[in-house]
Structure formats: C-alpha cells, structure tokens
C-alpha atoms as a PDB file:
ATOM      1  CA  MET A   1     241.403 -96.491-126.484  1.00  0.00           C
ATOM      2  CA  THR A   2     244.228 -93.794-126.554  1.00  0.00           C
ATOM      3  CA  SER A   3     247.315 -94.842-128.898  1.00  0.00           C
ATOM      4  CA  PRO A   4     250.359 -94.712-126.965  1.00  0.00           C
ATOM      5  CA  LEU A   5     251.370 -92.068-130.022  1.00  0.00           C
ATOM      6  CA  ASP A   6     249.091 -89.420-129.062  1.00  0.00           C
ATOM      7  CA  GLY A   7     250.697 -86.274-128.486  1.00  0.00           C
ATOM      8  CA  GLN A   8     253.419 -88.048-128.047  1.00  0.00           C
ATOM      9  CA  LEU A   9     255.052 -87.504-131.309  1.00  0.00           C
ATOM     10  CA  ASP A  10     253.536 -83.537-131.454  1.00  0.00           C
ATOM     11  CA  ARG A  11     255.855 -83.112-128.666  1.00  0.00           C
ATOM     12  CA  VAL A  12     258.816 -84.682-130.015  1.00  0.00           C
ATOM     13  CA  ARG A  13     258.332 -82.228-133.084  1.00  0.00           C
ATOM     14  CA  ALA A  14     258.066 -79.001-131.237  1.00  0.00           C
ATOM     15  CA  SER A  15     261.243 -79.943-128.974  1.00  0.00           C
ATOM     16  CA  LEU A  16     262.831 -80.994-131.833  1.00  0.00           C
ATOM     17  CA  LEU A  17     261.862 -77.710-134.069  1.00  0.00           C
ATOM     18  CA  SER A  18     262.970 -75.845-130.366  1.00  0.00           C
ATOM     19  CA  THR A  19     266.797 -77.550-131.079  1.00  0.00           C
ATOM     20  CA  LEU A  20     267.024 -76.459-134.510  1.00  0.00           C
ATOM     21  CA  ASP A  21     266.008 -72.669-133.124  1.00  0.00           C
ATOM     22  CA  SER A  22     268.895 -72.947-130.199  1.00  0.00           C
ATOM     23  CA  LEU A  23     271.011 -74.232-132.760  1.00  0.00           C
ATOM     24  CA  PRO A  24     274.351 -71.618-133.949  1.00  0.00           C
ATOM     25  CA  ALA A  25     273.939 -72.666-138.106  1.00  0.00           C
ATOM     26  CA  LEU A  26     270.942 -74.762-139.453  1.00  0.00           C
ATOM     27  CA  PRO A  27     271.689 -77.925-140.619  1.00  0.00           C
ATOM     28  CA  THR A  28     270.990 -78.680-144.302  1.00  0.00           C
ATOM     29  CA  ARG A  29     269.099 -81.861-143.803  1.00  0.00           C
ATOM     30  CA  PHE A  30     267.248 -82.868-140.365  1.00  0.00           C
ATOM     31  CA  THR A  31     266.123 -86.399-140.430  1.00  0.00           C
ATOM     32  CA  VAL A  32     263.882 -87.163-137.621  1.00  0.00           C
ATOM     33  CA  ARG A  33     263.138 -91.717-137.344  1.00  0.00           C
ATOM     34  CA  VAL A  34     260.414 -92.200-134.661  1.00  0.00           C
ATOM     35  CA  ALA A  35     260.627 -96.235-134.422  1.00  0.00           C
ATOM     36  CA  ASP A  36     264.264 -96.447-133.424  1.00  0.00           C
ATOM     37  CA  VAL A  37     263.727 -92.906-132.144  1.00  0.00           C
ATOM     38  CA  ALA A  38     266.991 -91.408-133.618  1.00  0.00           C
ATOM     39  CA  PHE A  39     267.821 -88.405-135.504  1.00  0.00           C
ATOM     40  CA  GLU A  40     270.378 -87.024-137.706  1.00  0.00           C
ATOM     41  CA  LEU A  41     272.108 -83.336-138.193  1.00  0.00           C
ATOM     42  CA  GLU A  42     274.081 -82.008-141.281  1.00  0.00           C
ATOM     43  CA  TRP A  43     275.702 -79.152-141.710  1.00  0.00           C
ATOM     44  CA  ALA A  44     277.027 -78.345-145.075  1.00  0.00           C
ATOM     45  CA  GLU A  45     281.204 -78.146-144.641  1.00  0.00           C
ATOM     46  CA  GLY A  46     282.289 -73.990-143.445  1.00  0.00           C
ATOM     47  CA  ALA A  47     278.615 -72.717-144.602  1.00  0.00           C
ATOM     48  CA  ARG A  48     275.761 -71.724-143.231  1.00  0.00           C
ATOM     49  CA  ALA A  49     272.407 -73.247-144.670  1.00  0.00           C
ATOM     50  CA  ALA A  50     271.183 -71.191-147.730  1.00  0.00           C
ATOM     51  CA  GLY A  51     267.792 -71.542-146.934  1.00  0.00           C
ATOM     52  CA  PRO A  52     265.125 -73.322-145.252  1.00  0.00           C
ATOM     53  CA  VAL A  53     265.922 -76.006-143.633  1.00  0.00           C
ATOM     54  CA  VAL A  54     264.756 -79.656-145.044  1.00  0.00           C
ATOM     55  CA  VAL A  55     262.711 -81.518-142.728  1.00  0.00           C
ATOM     56  CA  GLU A  56     262.282 -84.977-143.376  1.00  0.00           C
ATOM     57  CA  GLU A  57     259.787 -87.125-141.625  1.00  0.00           C
ATOM     58  CA  VAL A  58     260.440 -91.319-141.311  1.00  0.00           C
ATOM     59  CA  THR A  59     258.378 -93.315-139.520  1.00  0.00           C
ATOM     60  CA  GLY A  60     258.607 -97.162-139.105  1.00  0.00           C
ATOM     61  CA  THR A  61     256.948 -99.478-140.497  1.00  0.00           C
ATOM     62  CA  ASP A  62     255.574-100.491-138.021  1.00  0.00           C
ATOM     63  CA  VAL A  63     253.751 -97.064-137.397  1.00  0.00           C
ATOM     64  CA  PRO A  64     250.437 -97.217-139.694  1.00  0.00           C
ATOM     65  CA  ALA A  65     250.032 -94.068-141.740  1.00  0.00           C
ATOM     66  CA  ILE A  66     248.873 -91.622-144.192  1.00  0.00           C
ATOM     67  CA  ARG A  67     251.540 -89.518-146.543  1.00  0.00           C
ATOM     68  CA  SER A  68     251.331 -87.077-148.521  1.00  0.00           C
ATOM     69  CA  PRO A  69     250.931 -87.691-152.526  1.00  0.00           C
ATOM     70  CA  SER A  70     252.838 -84.218-153.603  1.00  0.00           C
ATOM     71  CA  VAL A  71     254.805 -81.521-152.467  1.00  0.00           C
ATOM     72  CA  GLY A  72     252.534 -78.935-152.044  1.00  0.00           C
ATOM     73  CA  THR A  73     250.335 -77.356-148.992  1.00  0.00           C
ATOM     74  CA  PHE A  74     248.455 -79.437-146.463  1.00  0.00           C
ATOM     75  CA  TYR A  75     244.878 -78.879-145.843  1.00  0.00           C
ATOM     76  CA  ARG A  76     242.495 -80.740-143.328  1.00  0.00           C
ATOM     77  CA  ALA A  77     239.730 -79.116-144.998  1.00  0.00           C
ATOM     78  CA  ALA A  78     237.673 -78.255-148.219  1.00  0.00           C
ATOM     79  CA  GLU A  79     237.882 -74.689-147.657  1.00  0.00           C
ATOM     80  CA  PRO A  80     238.864 -72.477-145.190  1.00  0.00           C
ATOM     81  CA  GLY A  81     236.109 -72.601-142.184  1.00  0.00           C
ATOM     82  CA  ALA A  82     234.840 -75.676-143.072  1.00  0.00           C
ATOM     83  CA  GLU A  83     235.164 -78.953-140.864  1.00  0.00           C
ATOM     84  CA  PRO A  84     238.269 -80.846-141.001  1.00  0.00           C
ATOM     85  CA  PHE A  85     238.107 -84.072-143.257  1.00  0.00           C
ATOM     86  CA  VAL A  86     239.214 -85.717-139.961  1.00  0.00           C
ATOM     87  CA  ARG A  87     240.120 -85.468-136.434  1.00  0.00           C
ATOM     88  CA  VAL A  88     242.235 -87.243-134.290  1.00  0.00           C
ATOM     89  CA  GLY A  89     240.211 -90.255-132.806  1.00  0.00           C
ATOM     90  CA  ASP A  90     237.986 -90.515-135.697  1.00  0.00           C
ATOM     91  CA  THR A  91     237.895 -93.593-137.683  1.00  0.00           C
ATOM     92  CA  VAL A  92     238.838 -94.058-141.548  1.00  0.00           C
ATOM     93  CA  HIS A  93     238.374 -96.372-144.205  1.00  0.00           C
ATOM     94  CA  LYS A  94     240.591 -97.281-146.958  1.00  0.00           C
ATOM     95  CA  GLY A  95     239.655 -94.929-149.293  1.00  0.00           C
ATOM     96  CA  GLN A  96     238.119 -91.912-147.967  1.00  0.00           C
ATOM     97  CA  GLN A  97     239.321 -88.126-148.463  1.00  0.00           C
ATOM     98  CA  VAL A  98     241.413 -87.324-144.913  1.00  0.00           C
ATOM     99  CA  ALA A  99     242.781 -84.058-146.362  1.00  0.00           C
ATOM    100  CA  ILE A 100     243.733 -82.147-149.466  1.00  0.00           C
ATOM    101  CA  VAL A 101     247.150 -81.092-151.275  1.00  0.00           C
ATOM    102  CA  GLU A 102     247.486 -78.214-153.154  1.00  0.00           C
ATOM    103  CA  ALA A 103     250.457 -78.644-155.640  1.00  0.00           C
ATOM    104  CA  MET A 104     250.488 -75.817-158.319  1.00  0.00           C
ATOM    105  CA  LYS A 105     247.013 -74.655-157.943  1.00  0.00           C
ATOM    106  CA  LEU A 106     245.936 -78.099-158.559  1.00  0.00           C
ATOM    107  CA  MET A 107     243.607 -79.360-155.421  1.00  0.00           C
ATOM    108  CA  LEU A 108     244.842 -83.388-155.222  1.00  0.00           C
ATOM    109  CA  PRO A 109     242.947 -85.672-152.489  1.00  0.00           C
ATOM    110  CA  VAL A 110     244.960 -87.600-149.641  1.00  0.00           C
ATOM    111  CA  GLU A 111     242.857 -90.545-149.322  1.00  0.00           C
ATOM    112  CA  SER A 112     243.987 -93.456-147.033  1.00  0.00           C
ATOM    113  CA  ASP A 113     245.266 -96.280-147.968  1.00  0.00           C
ATOM    114  CA  GLN A 114     243.937 -98.659-145.196  1.00  0.00           C
ATOM    115  CA  ASP A 115     241.453 -98.683-142.177  1.00  0.00           C
ATOM    116  CA  GLY A 116     242.234 -97.464-139.062  1.00  0.00           C
ATOM    117  CA  ARG A 117     241.582 -94.450-136.249  1.00  0.00           C
ATOM    118  CA  VAL A 118     243.542 -91.322-136.974  1.00  0.00           C
ATOM    119  CA  ALA A 119     246.624 -90.983-133.651  1.00  0.00           C
ATOM    120  CA  SER A 120     247.802 -87.997-135.207  1.00  0.00           C
ATOM    121  CA  VAL A 121     247.451 -84.739-137.670  1.00  0.00           C
ATOM    122  CA  LEU A 122     251.636 -83.608-138.075  1.00  0.00           C
ATOM    123  CA  PRO A 123     251.285 -81.357-139.868  1.00  0.00           C
ATOM    124  CA  ALA A 124     249.323 -77.874-138.961  1.00  0.00           C
ATOM    125  CA  ASP A 125     246.875 -76.735-141.649  1.00  0.00           C
ATOM    126  CA  GLY A 126     248.777 -74.615-144.086  1.00  0.00           C
ATOM    127  CA  ASP A 127     252.071 -76.312-143.682  1.00  0.00           C
ATOM    128  CA  PRO A 128     254.488 -77.044-146.339  1.00  0.00           C
ATOM    129  CA  VAL A 129     254.537 -80.813-147.624  1.00  0.00           C
ATOM    130  CA  GLN A 130     257.095 -83.022-149.621  1.00  0.00           C
ATOM    131  CA  TYR A 131     256.078 -85.945-151.157  1.00  0.00           C
ATOM    132  CA  GLY A 132     255.637 -89.222-149.126  1.00  0.00           C
ATOM    133  CA  GLN A 133     256.214 -87.378-145.789  1.00  0.00           C
ATOM    134  CA  THR A 134     253.732 -88.290-143.024  1.00  0.00           C
ATOM    135  CA  LEU A 135     250.235 -86.224-142.349  1.00  0.00           C
ATOM    136  CA  PHE A 136     248.644 -88.808-140.324  1.00  0.00           C
ATOM    137  CA  THR A 137     249.641 -91.360-137.897  1.00  0.00           C
ATOM    138  CA  LEU A 138     247.028 -94.570-137.535  1.00  0.00           C
ATOM    139  CA  GLU A 139     245.882 -96.904-134.914  1.00  0.00           C
ATOM    140  CA  PRO A 140     244.264-100.080-136.010  1.00  0.00           C
ATOM    141  CA  SER A 141     240.039 -99.820-135.989  1.00  0.00           C
ATOM    142  CA  ASP A 142     238.141-101.942-133.055  1.00  0.00           C
ATOM    143  CA  GLY A 143     236.182-103.482-135.999  1.00  0.00           C
END
C-alpha cells in the first residue's frame, strides 16, 4: 500500500527550495504548512537576510510524523556507509530507533513515538535540522 504522501512532500520541498533560489532577496523566515497547503515568506524591512534562511516545516495534526529531538545534524545510519535504520516503506514501532541527531558531539537517538509505516524521509543524510522539525512522515501500518 502506498501513501498519497509518497514522493509528494519531496517534490513540494524541492519546488519551494527552487523558488527560494529564484528570489532577488532571501526571506528571513519561510514557513511551510502541509495540512492546508500554505506557506509564508517574511523579509526584514529593507534588508537582505544576513544568514541562512530558516526553514520551519509544520505538518498538520492529521499527518503522523517523527520529529527531531534537538537542533543538530541528521543521520540515517549509525555510521558512514552503514545501512540506514529505516527506509521508506519500512514498518516502525513505538520506541524503535529510526535515526540519529548529532548535537555538540552527542549522538542522540531518534525514536518513533508511534507505530506506522515510513511514508517519507524529509531531510537528507547529514542535513542540519531544528528542534521539532519533521524528519519522517508515517502512515498507519496494516497490523
């Protein structure tokens, strides 16, 4: 069983990042809401953003998700070259480790807080993530 979200979130993300690249000035804030398909851009008054754009991804309560426990770097596997903890389509159980977030040289396990099937993995391996950012979307499992 495939989810209607399979691939769609990745396409939306790529399209929005492409849009950001085409803007004459970077916004200081960019918010995406998946549930009602809305996004917001905010610029500092008369100024170009000095640093990187903060992308805050918000999913509606109707989309089960696993979120980052901390600011840090997202890793899908225990070490470089190892198999990822989970892949799209895998069934996960509450308490199962699905990734790692490295924060200030601490390796924090990311555990699922619910049962389900992995519908998408949003950040790429090695991407910086924010506290509470959606890392995985889930769909209900068959059992």
